[in-house]
Amino acid sequence: MTFSRALFSPHVGTTFNVHLSSEHALSLQLQEVRQPNTMPPGYEVFSLIFHGVSAQPLPQGTYALQHAELAEQAIFLVPVGKRDHGFEYQACFNIVI
């Protein structure tokens, strides 16, 4: 699977699941696909912003994200903020095109 803004953009507002153990999973909603105002030539640069409802943030790390319409994907997530009902996570991509 090739990561791109075009791959994720149609799925803003949908749920990605992170299975943390056989008994525990966390649902993350894709809130936004961000891109910078300028991009270096030859690169596609974007980030994914997720929101998850939980009492504790996921530690920074690589997680297998599952989605109903996409193949399972290993994505590096970083907790970037606490919200009223959970935490916000960001995944950044700098892809040579």
PDB file of N, CA and C in Angstrom:
ATOM      1  N   MET A   1       0.847  -1.170   0.000  1.00  0.00           N
ATOM      2  CA  MET A   1       0.000   0.000   0.000  1.00  0.00           C
ATOM      3  C   MET A   1       0.896   1.238   0.000  1.00  0.00           C
ATOM      4  N   THR A   2       0.568   2.180  -0.851  1.00  0.00           N
ATOM      5  CA  THR A   2       1.300   3.432  -0.926  1.00  0.00           C
ATOM      6  C   THR A   2       0.565   4.498  -0.119  1.00  0.00           C
ATOM      7  N   PHE A   3       1.242   5.055   0.865  1.00  0.00           N
ATOM      8  CA  PHE A   3       0.638   6.115   1.668  1.00  0.00           C
ATOM      9  C   PHE A   3       0.582   7.399   0.855  1.00  0.00           C
ATOM     10  N   SER A   4      -0.544   8.111   0.966  1.00  0.00           N
ATOM     11  CA  SER A   4      -0.706   9.397   0.293  1.00  0.00           C
ATOM     12  C   SER A   4      -1.871  10.149   0.934  1.00  0.00           C
ATOM     13  N   ARG A   5      -1.913  11.459   0.678  1.00  0.00           N
ATOM     14  CA  ARG A   5      -3.069  12.235   1.136  1.00  0.00           C
ATOM     15  C   ARG A   5      -4.337  11.698   0.496  1.00  0.00           C
ATOM     16  N   ALA A   6      -4.239  11.342  -0.782  1.00  0.00           N
ATOM     17  CA  ALA A   6      -5.411  10.847  -1.516  1.00  0.00           C
ATOM     18  C   ALA A   6      -5.958   9.556  -0.918  1.00  0.00           C
ATOM     19  N   LEU A   7      -5.098   8.734  -0.342  1.00  0.00           N
ATOM     20  CA  LEU A   7      -5.550   7.483   0.280  1.00  0.00           C
ATOM     21  C   LEU A   7      -6.388   7.764   1.521  1.00  0.00           C
ATOM     22  N   PHE A   8      -5.938   8.714   2.346  1.00  0.00           N
ATOM     23  CA  PHE A   8      -6.588   8.951   3.631  1.00  0.00           C
ATOM     24  C   PHE A   8      -7.708   9.988   3.596  1.00  0.00           C
ATOM     25  N   SER A   9      -7.641  10.951   2.715  1.00  0.00           N
ATOM     26  CA  SER A   9      -8.621  12.054   2.706  1.00  0.00           C
ATOM     27  C   SER A   9     -10.075  11.598   2.673  1.00  0.00           C
ATOM     28  N   PRO A  10     -10.444  10.590   1.882  1.00  0.00           N
ATOM     29  CA  PRO A  10     -11.854  10.164   1.881  1.00  0.00           C
ATOM     30  C   PRO A  10     -12.324   9.551   3.202  1.00  0.00           C
ATOM     31  N   HIS A  11     -11.381   9.268   4.102  1.00  0.00           N
ATOM     32  CA  HIS A  11     -11.718   8.571   5.339  1.00  0.00           C
ATOM     33  C   HIS A  11     -11.726   9.483   6.568  1.00  0.00           C
ATOM     34  N   VAL A  12     -11.641  10.810   6.345  1.00  0.00           N
ATOM     35  CA  VAL A  12     -11.765  11.751   7.459  1.00  0.00           C
ATOM     36  C   VAL A  12     -13.144  11.548   8.087  1.00  0.00           C
ATOM     37  N   GLY A  13     -13.179  11.463   9.402  1.00  0.00           N
ATOM     38  CA  GLY A  13     -14.427  11.230  10.129  1.00  0.00           C
ATOM     39  C   GLY A  13     -14.732   9.768  10.382  1.00  0.00           C
ATOM     40  N   THR A  14     -13.891   8.868   9.885  1.00  0.00           N
ATOM     41  CA  THR A  14     -14.130   7.441  10.089  1.00  0.00           C
ATOM     42  C   THR A  14     -13.184   6.893  11.159  1.00  0.00           C
ATOM     43  N   THR A  15     -13.435   5.655  11.546  1.00  0.00           N
ATOM     44  CA  THR A  15     -12.737   5.037  12.666  1.00  0.00           C
ATOM     45  C   THR A  15     -11.649   4.078  12.213  1.00  0.00           C
ATOM     46  N   PHE A  16     -10.518   4.184  12.877  1.00  0.00           N
ATOM     47  CA  PHE A  16      -9.407   3.243  12.749  1.00  0.00           C
ATOM     48  C   PHE A  16      -9.249   2.586  14.108  1.00  0.00           C
ATOM     49  N   ASN A  17      -9.067   1.277  14.140  1.00  0.00           N
ATOM     50  CA  ASN A  17      -8.935   0.548  15.400  1.00  0.00           C
ATOM     51  C   ASN A  17      -7.498   0.122  15.632  1.00  0.00           C
ATOM     52  N   VAL A  18      -7.068   0.279  16.870  1.00  0.00           N
ATOM     53  CA  VAL A  18      -5.744  -0.146  17.309  1.00  0.00           C
ATOM     54  C   VAL A  18      -5.960  -1.249  18.329  1.00  0.00           C
ATOM     55  N   HIS A  19      -5.543  -2.470  18.010  1.00  0.00           N
ATOM     56  CA  HIS A  19      -5.678  -3.588  18.949  1.00  0.00           C
ATOM     57  C   HIS A  19      -4.423  -3.635  19.803  1.00  0.00           C
ATOM     58  N   LEU A  20      -4.592  -3.297  21.075  1.00  0.00           N
ATOM     59  CA  LEU A  20      -3.468  -3.212  21.997  1.00  0.00           C
ATOM     60  C   LEU A  20      -3.158  -4.555  22.644  1.00  0.00           C
ATOM     61  N   SER A  21      -4.160  -5.399  22.750  1.00  0.00           N
ATOM     62  CA  SER A  21      -4.000  -6.751  23.282  1.00  0.00           C
ATOM     63  C   SER A  21      -5.209  -7.549  22.806  1.00  0.00           C
ATOM     64  N   SER A  22      -5.265  -8.811  23.173  1.00  0.00           N
ATOM     65  CA  SER A  22      -6.401  -9.626  22.740  1.00  0.00           C
ATOM     66  C   SER A  22      -7.710  -9.154  23.370  1.00  0.00           C
ATOM     67  N   GLU A  23      -7.628  -8.449  24.511  1.00  0.00           N
ATOM     68  CA  GLU A  23      -8.840  -7.977  25.184  1.00  0.00           C
ATOM     69  C   GLU A  23      -9.081  -6.479  25.039  1.00  0.00           C
ATOM     70  N   HIS A  24      -8.103  -5.730  24.562  1.00  0.00           N
ATOM     71  CA  HIS A  24      -8.218  -4.272  24.594  1.00  0.00           C
ATOM     72  C   HIS A  24      -7.910  -3.659  23.228  1.00  0.00           C
ATOM     73  N   ALA A  25      -8.818  -2.793  22.776  1.00  0.00           N
ATOM     74  CA  ALA A  25      -8.624  -2.045  21.535  1.00  0.00           C
ATOM     75  C   ALA A  25      -8.998  -0.595  21.782  1.00  0.00           C
ATOM     76  N   LEU A  26      -8.441   0.286  20.992  1.00  0.00           N
ATOM     77  CA  LEU A  26      -8.760   1.701  21.068  1.00  0.00           C
ATOM     78  C   LEU A  26      -9.214   2.154  19.692  1.00  0.00           C
ATOM     79  N   SER A  27     -10.331   2.844  19.640  1.00  0.00           N
ATOM     80  CA  SER A  27     -10.827   3.402  18.385  1.00  0.00           C
ATOM     81  C   SER A  27     -10.310   4.825  18.240  1.00  0.00           C
ATOM     82  N   LEU A  28      -9.742   5.107  17.079  1.00  0.00           N
ATOM     83  CA  LEU A  28      -9.252   6.441  16.762  1.00  0.00           C
ATOM     84  C   LEU A  28     -10.035   6.973  15.575  1.00  0.00           C
ATOM     85  N   GLN A  29     -10.540   8.179  15.700  1.00  0.00           N
ATOM     86  CA  GLN A  29     -11.251   8.791  14.579  1.00  0.00           C
ATOM     87  C   GLN A  29     -10.277   9.708  13.845  1.00  0.00           C
ATOM     88  N   LEU A  30     -10.210   9.540  12.521  1.00  0.00           N
ATOM     89  CA  LEU A  30      -9.376  10.413  11.706  1.00  0.00           C
ATOM     90  C   LEU A  30     -10.064  11.768  11.615  1.00  0.00           C
ATOM     91  N   GLN A  31      -9.454  12.776  12.220  1.00  0.00           N
ATOM     92  CA  GLN A  31     -10.043  14.115  12.284  1.00  0.00           C
ATOM     93  C   GLN A  31      -9.675  14.978  11.089  1.00  0.00           C
ATOM     94  N   GLU A  32      -8.448  14.806  10.599  1.00  0.00           N
ATOM     95  CA  GLU A  32      -7.958  15.732   9.581  1.00  0.00           C
ATOM     96  C   GLU A  32      -6.762  15.130   8.852  1.00  0.00           C
ATOM     97  N   VAL A  33      -6.636  15.477   7.588  1.00  0.00           N
ATOM     98  CA  VAL A  33      -5.431  15.213   6.810  1.00  0.00           C
ATOM     99  C   VAL A  33      -4.844  16.591   6.517  1.00  0.00           C
ATOM    100  N   ARG A  34      -3.701  16.880   7.120  1.00  0.00           N
ATOM    101  CA  ARG A  34      -3.081  18.205   6.993  1.00  0.00           C
ATOM    102  C   ARG A  34      -1.940  18.165   5.991  1.00  0.00           C
ATOM    103  N   GLN A  35      -1.772  19.271   5.285  1.00  0.00           N
ATOM    104  CA  GLN A  35      -0.592  19.416   4.457  1.00  0.00           C
ATOM    105  C   GLN A  35      -0.038  20.816   4.662  1.00  0.00           C
ATOM    106  N   PRO A  36       1.272  20.974   4.562  1.00  0.00           N
ATOM    107  CA  PRO A  36       1.851  22.299   4.765  1.00  0.00           C
ATOM    108  C   PRO A  36       1.512  23.231   3.601  1.00  0.00           C
ATOM    109  N   ASN A  37       1.686  24.528   3.829  1.00  0.00           N
ATOM    110  CA  ASN A  37       1.427  25.505   2.773  1.00  0.00           C
ATOM    111  C   ASN A  37       2.389  25.348   1.602  1.00  0.00           C
ATOM    112  N   THR A  38       3.606  24.951   1.892  1.00  0.00           N
ATOM    113  CA  THR A  38       4.592  24.712   0.834  1.00  0.00           C
ATOM    114  C   THR A  38       5.193  23.333   1.027  1.00  0.00           C
ATOM    115  N   MET A  39       5.534  22.709  -0.088  1.00  0.00           N
ATOM    116  CA  MET A  39       6.159  21.388  -0.036  1.00  0.00           C
ATOM    117  C   MET A  39       7.450  21.422  -0.835  1.00  0.00           C
ATOM    118  N   PRO A  40       8.470  20.720  -0.361  1.00  0.00           N
ATOM    119  CA  PRO A  40       9.696  20.652  -1.144  1.00  0.00           C
ATOM    120  C   PRO A  40       9.446  19.882  -2.443  1.00  0.00           C
ATOM    121  N   PRO A  41      10.087  20.292  -3.529  1.00  0.00           N
ATOM    122  CA  PRO A  41       9.905  19.577  -4.795  1.00  0.00           C
ATOM    123  C   PRO A  41      10.280  18.101  -4.651  1.00  0.00           C
ATOM    124  N   GLY A  42       9.472  17.245  -5.244  1.00  0.00           N
ATOM    125  CA  GLY A  42       9.751  15.814  -5.228  1.00  0.00           C
ATOM    126  C   GLY A  42       9.272  15.079  -3.989  1.00  0.00           C
ATOM    127  N   TYR A  43       8.534  15.759  -3.110  1.00  0.00           N
ATOM    128  CA  TYR A  43       8.031  15.133  -1.893  1.00  0.00           C
ATOM    129  C   TYR A  43       6.534  15.366  -1.743  1.00  0.00           C
ATOM    130  N   GLU A  44       5.875  14.397  -1.151  1.00  0.00           N
ATOM    131  CA  GLU A  44       4.511  14.597  -0.676  1.00  0.00           C
ATOM    132  C   GLU A  44       4.601  14.614   0.846  1.00  0.00           C
ATOM    133  N   VAL A  45       4.210  15.727   1.437  1.00  0.00           N
ATOM    134  CA  VAL A  45       4.311  15.916   2.881  1.00  0.00           C
ATOM    135  C   VAL A  45       2.902  16.127   3.423  1.00  0.00           C
ATOM    136  N   PHE A  46       2.531  15.330   4.425  1.00  0.00           N
ATOM    137  CA  PHE A  46       1.218  15.481   5.052  1.00  0.00           C
ATOM    138  C   PHE A  46       1.231  14.821   6.416  1.00  0.00           C
ATOM    139  N   SER A  47       0.225  15.114   7.198  1.00  0.00           N
ATOM    140  CA  SER A  47       0.080  14.449   8.485  1.00  0.00           C
ATOM    141  C   SER A  47      -1.381  14.080   8.703  1.00  0.00           C
ATOM    142  N   LEU A  48      -1.572  13.056   9.510  1.00  0.00           N
ATOM    143  CA  LEU A  48      -2.901  12.588   9.888  1.00  0.00           C
ATOM    144  C   LEU A  48      -3.112  12.957  11.349  1.00  0.00           C
ATOM    145  N   ILE A  49      -4.286  13.496  11.651  1.00  0.00           N
ATOM    146  CA  ILE A  49      -4.641  13.844  13.017  1.00  0.00           C
ATOM    147  C   ILE A  49      -5.787  12.937  13.447  1.00  0.00           C
ATOM    148  N   PHE A  50      -5.556  12.178  14.511  1.00  0.00           N
ATOM    149  CA  PHE A  50      -6.546  11.251  15.053  1.00  0.00           C
ATOM    150  C   PHE A  50      -6.972  11.714  16.437  1.00  0.00           C
ATOM    151  N   HIS A  51      -8.185  11.333  16.827  1.00  0.00           N
ATOM    152  CA  HIS A  51      -8.665  11.560  18.194  1.00  0.00           C
ATOM    153  C   HIS A  51      -9.119  10.221  18.765  1.00  0.00           C
ATOM    154  N   GLY A  52      -8.669   9.940  19.980  1.00  0.00           N
ATOM    155  CA  GLY A  52      -9.075   8.717  20.662  1.00  0.00           C
ATOM    156  C   GLY A  52      -9.578   9.023  22.053  1.00  0.00           C
ATOM    157  N   VAL A  53     -10.663   8.389  22.438  1.00  0.00           N
ATOM    158  CA  VAL A  53     -11.236   8.573  23.775  1.00  0.00           C
ATOM    159  C   VAL A  53     -10.624   7.529  24.705  1.00  0.00           C
ATOM    160  N   SER A  54      -9.824   8.006  25.656  1.00  0.00           N
ATOM    161  CA  SER A  54      -9.217   7.118  26.647  1.00  0.00           C
ATOM    162  C   SER A  54      -8.742   7.959  27.823  1.00  0.00           C
ATOM    163  N   ALA A  55      -8.541   7.307  28.948  1.00  0.00           N
ATOM    164  CA  ALA A  55      -8.085   8.007  30.154  1.00  0.00           C
ATOM    165  C   ALA A  55      -6.590   8.297  30.091  1.00  0.00           C
ATOM    166  N   GLN A  56      -5.851   7.448  29.414  1.00  0.00           N
ATOM    167  CA  GLN A  56      -4.403   7.596  29.283  1.00  0.00           C
ATOM    168  C   GLN A  56      -4.033   7.611  27.799  1.00  0.00           C
ATOM    169  N   PRO A  57      -3.019   8.399  27.420  1.00  0.00           N
ATOM    170  CA  PRO A  57      -2.617   8.399  26.010  1.00  0.00           C
ATOM    171  C   PRO A  57      -1.841   7.137  25.654  1.00  0.00           C
ATOM    172  N   LEU A  58      -1.919   6.764  24.397  1.00  0.00           N
ATOM    173  CA  LEU A  58      -1.028   5.718  23.900  1.00  0.00           C
ATOM    174  C   LEU A  58       0.391   6.264  23.935  1.00  0.00           C
ATOM    175  N   PRO A  59       1.369   5.450  24.299  1.00  0.00           N
ATOM    176  CA  PRO A  59       2.747   5.925  24.202  1.00  0.00           C
ATOM    177  C   PRO A  59       3.117   6.122  22.722  1.00  0.00           C
ATOM    178  N   GLN A  60       4.017   7.038  22.480  1.00  0.00           N
ATOM    179  CA  GLN A  60       4.532   7.232  21.128  1.00  0.00           C
ATOM    180  C   GLN A  60       5.057   5.906  20.611  1.00  0.00           C
ATOM    181  N   GLY A  61       4.691   5.529  19.393  1.00  0.00           N
ATOM    182  CA  GLY A  61       5.164   4.272  18.844  1.00  0.00           C
ATOM    183  C   GLY A  61       4.421   3.870  17.593  1.00  0.00           C
ATOM    184  N   THR A  62       4.805   2.737  17.047  1.00  0.00           N
ATOM    185  CA  THR A  62       4.198   2.205  15.834  1.00  0.00           C
ATOM    186  C   THR A  62       3.066   1.261  16.211  1.00  0.00           C
ATOM    187  N   TYR A  63       1.908   1.486  15.593  1.00  0.00           N
ATOM    188  CA  TYR A  63       0.715   0.691  15.872  1.00  0.00           C
ATOM    189  C   TYR A  63       0.114   0.198  14.567  1.00  0.00           C
ATOM    190  N   ALA A  64      -0.476  -0.998  14.608  1.00  0.00           N
ATOM    191  CA  ALA A  64      -1.203  -1.534  13.461  1.00  0.00           C
ATOM    192  C   ALA A  64      -2.615  -0.963  13.498  1.00  0.00           C
ATOM    193  N   LEU A  65      -2.940  -0.121  12.531  1.00  0.00           N
ATOM    194  CA  LEU A  65      -4.265   0.485  12.455  1.00  0.00           C
ATOM    195  C   LEU A  65      -5.114  -0.295  11.466  1.00  0.00           C
ATOM    196  N   GLN A  66      -6.319  -0.617  11.882  1.00  0.00           N
ATOM    197  CA  GLN A  66      -7.256  -1.354  11.035  1.00  0.00           C
ATOM    198  C   GLN A  66      -8.430  -0.456  10.699  1.00  0.00           C
ATOM    199  N   HIS A  67      -8.868  -0.544   9.460  1.00  0.00           N
ATOM    200  CA  HIS A  67      -9.984   0.264   8.964  1.00  0.00           C
ATOM    201  C   HIS A  67     -10.870  -0.636   8.116  1.00  0.00           C
ATOM    202  N   ALA A  68     -12.162  -0.353   8.106  1.00  0.00           N
ATOM    203  CA  ALA A  68     -13.119  -1.195   7.372  1.00  0.00           C
ATOM    204  C   ALA A  68     -12.851  -1.233   5.870  1.00  0.00           C
ATOM    205  N   GLU A  69     -12.285  -0.166   5.305  1.00  0.00           N
ATOM    206  CA  GLU A  69     -12.101  -0.105   3.856  1.00  0.00           C
ATOM    207  C   GLU A  69     -10.647  -0.117   3.401  1.00  0.00           C
ATOM    208  N   LEU A  70      -9.707  -0.119   4.335  1.00  0.00           N
ATOM    209  CA  LEU A  70      -8.285  -0.093   3.993  1.00  0.00           C
ATOM    210  C   LEU A  70      -7.588  -1.313   4.575  1.00  0.00           C
ATOM    211  N   ALA A  71      -6.468  -1.660   3.985  1.00  0.00           N
ATOM    212  CA  ALA A  71      -5.659  -2.744   4.545  1.00  0.00           C
ATOM    213  C   ALA A  71      -5.052  -2.284   5.869  1.00  0.00           C
ATOM    214  N   GLU A  72      -4.727  -3.240   6.730  1.00  0.00           N
ATOM    215  CA  GLU A  72      -4.066  -2.907   7.985  1.00  0.00           C
ATOM    216  C   GLU A  72      -2.753  -2.184   7.685  1.00  0.00           C
ATOM    217  N   GLN A  73      -2.470  -1.157   8.473  1.00  0.00           N
ATOM    218  CA  GLN A  73      -1.299  -0.328   8.230  1.00  0.00           C
ATOM    219  C   GLN A  73      -0.538  -0.093   9.518  1.00  0.00           C
ATOM    220  N   ALA A  74       0.764  -0.234   9.476  1.00  0.00           N
ATOM    221  CA  ALA A  74       1.608   0.100  10.619  1.00  0.00           C
ATOM    222  C   ALA A  74       1.959   1.580  10.505  1.00  0.00           C
ATOM    223  N   ILE A  75       1.537   2.369  11.494  1.00  0.00           N
ATOM    224  CA  ILE A  75       1.731   3.812  11.462  1.00  0.00           C
ATOM    225  C   ILE A  75       2.303   4.267  12.801  1.00  0.00           C
ATOM    226  N   PHE A  76       3.304   5.145  12.726  1.00  0.00           N
ATOM    227  CA  PHE A  76       3.924   5.713  13.920  1.00  0.00           C
ATOM    228  C   PHE A  76       3.072   6.869  14.412  1.00  0.00           C
ATOM    229  N   LEU A  77       2.541   6.747  15.629  1.00  0.00           N
ATOM    230  CA  LEU A  77       1.669   7.760  16.217  1.00  0.00           C
ATOM    231  C   LEU A  77       2.376   8.467  17.370  1.00  0.00           C
ATOM    232  N   VAL A  78       2.144   9.771  17.453  1.00  0.00           N
ATOM    233  CA  VAL A  78       2.687  10.581  18.535  1.00  0.00           C
ATOM    234  C   VAL A  78       1.523  11.290  19.223  1.00  0.00           C
ATOM    235  N   PRO A  79       1.377  11.139  20.539  1.00  0.00           N
ATOM    236  CA  PRO A  79       0.341  11.914  21.227  1.00  0.00           C
ATOM    237  C   PRO A  79       0.759  13.389  21.207  1.00  0.00           C
ATOM    238  N   VAL A  80      -0.149  14.265  20.744  1.00  0.00           N
ATOM    239  CA  VAL A  80       0.207  15.682  20.608  1.00  0.00           C
ATOM    240  C   VAL A  80      -0.673  16.602  21.438  1.00  0.00           C
ATOM    241  N   GLY A  81      -1.696  16.068  22.081  1.00  0.00           N
ATOM    242  CA  GLY A  81      -2.525  16.943  22.899  1.00  0.00           C
ATOM    243  C   GLY A  81      -3.610  16.205  23.641  1.00  0.00           C
ATOM    244  N   LYS A  82      -3.995  16.764  24.771  1.00  0.00           N
ATOM    245  CA  LYS A  82      -5.120  16.232  25.541  1.00  0.00           C
ATOM    246  C   LYS A  82      -6.350  17.037  25.170  1.00  0.00           C
ATOM    247  N   ARG A  83      -7.445  16.380  24.950  1.00  0.00           N
ATOM    248  CA  ARG A  83      -8.713  17.025  24.622  1.00  0.00           C
ATOM    249  C   ARG A  83      -9.706  16.737  25.733  1.00  0.00           C
ATOM    250  N   ASP A  84     -10.886  17.348  25.655  1.00  0.00           N
ATOM    251  CA  ASP A  84     -11.903  17.152  26.690  1.00  0.00           C
ATOM    252  C   ASP A  84     -12.191  15.677  26.940  1.00  0.00           C
ATOM    253  N   HIS A  85     -12.252  14.906  25.890  1.00  0.00           N
ATOM    254  CA  HIS A  85     -12.614  13.489  26.011  1.00  0.00           C
ATOM    255  C   HIS A  85     -11.569  12.616  25.334  1.00  0.00           C
ATOM    256  N   GLY A  86     -10.338  12.700  25.774  1.00  0.00           N
ATOM    257  CA  GLY A  86      -9.317  11.825  25.227  1.00  0.00           C
ATOM    258  C   GLY A  86      -8.081  12.572  24.766  1.00  0.00           C
ATOM    259  N   PHE A  87      -7.443  12.004  23.739  1.00  0.00           N
ATOM    260  CA  PHE A  87      -6.154  12.511  23.290  1.00  0.00           C
ATOM    261  C   PHE A  87      -6.117  12.616  21.778  1.00  0.00           C
ATOM    262  N   GLU A  88      -5.270  13.532  21.317  1.00  0.00           N
ATOM    263  CA  GLU A  88      -5.057  13.716  19.888  1.00  0.00           C
ATOM    264  C   GLU A  88      -3.703  13.122  19.538  1.00  0.00           C
ATOM    265  N   TYR A  89      -3.638  12.485  18.379  1.00  0.00           N
ATOM    266  CA  TYR A  89      -2.416  11.836  17.905  1.00  0.00           C
ATOM    267  C   TYR A  89      -2.113  12.330  16.503  1.00  0.00           C
ATOM    268  N   GLN A  90      -0.811  12.370  16.173  1.00  0.00           N
ATOM    269  CA  GLN A  90      -0.408  12.789  14.840  1.00  0.00           C
ATOM    270  C   GLN A  90       0.532  11.759  14.248  1.00  0.00           C
ATOM    271  N   ALA A  91       0.365  11.526  12.952  1.00  0.00           N
ATOM    272  CA  ALA A  91       1.276  10.697  12.169  1.00  0.00           C
ATOM    273  C   ALA A  91       1.769  11.561  11.019  1.00  0.00           C
ATOM    274  N   CYS A  92       3.086  11.708  10.880  1.00  0.00           N
ATOM    275  CA  CYS A  92       3.664  12.568   9.844  1.00  0.00           C
ATOM    276  C   CYS A  92       4.288  11.728   8.739  1.00  0.00           C
ATOM    277  N   PHE A  93       4.125  12.198   7.505  1.00  0.00           N
ATOM    278  CA  PHE A  93       4.653  11.505   6.336  1.00  0.00           C
ATOM    279  C   PHE A  93       5.428  12.477   5.466  1.00  0.00           C
ATOM    280  N   ASN A  94       6.616  12.089   5.051  1.00  0.00           N
ATOM    281  CA  ASN A  94       7.453  12.813   4.096  1.00  0.00           C
ATOM    282  C   ASN A  94       7.855  11.784   3.050  1.00  0.00           C
ATOM    283  N   ILE A  95       7.173  11.766   1.926  1.00  0.00           N
ATOM    284  CA  ILE A  95       7.320  10.687   0.952  1.00  0.00           C
ATOM    285  C   ILE A  95       7.944  11.227  -0.329  1.00  0.00           C
ATOM    286  N   VAL A  96       8.993  10.550  -0.785  1.00  0.00           N
ATOM    287  CA  VAL A  96       9.602  10.900  -2.056  1.00  0.00           C
ATOM    288  C   VAL A  96       8.682  10.418  -3.164  1.00  0.00           C
ATOM    289  N   ILE A  97       8.365  11.326  -4.104  1.00  0.00           N
ATOM    290  CA  ILE A  97       7.477  10.938  -5.222  1.00  0.00           C
ATOM    291  C   ILE A  97       8.216  10.928  -6.537  1.00  0.00           C
TER     292      ILE A  97
END
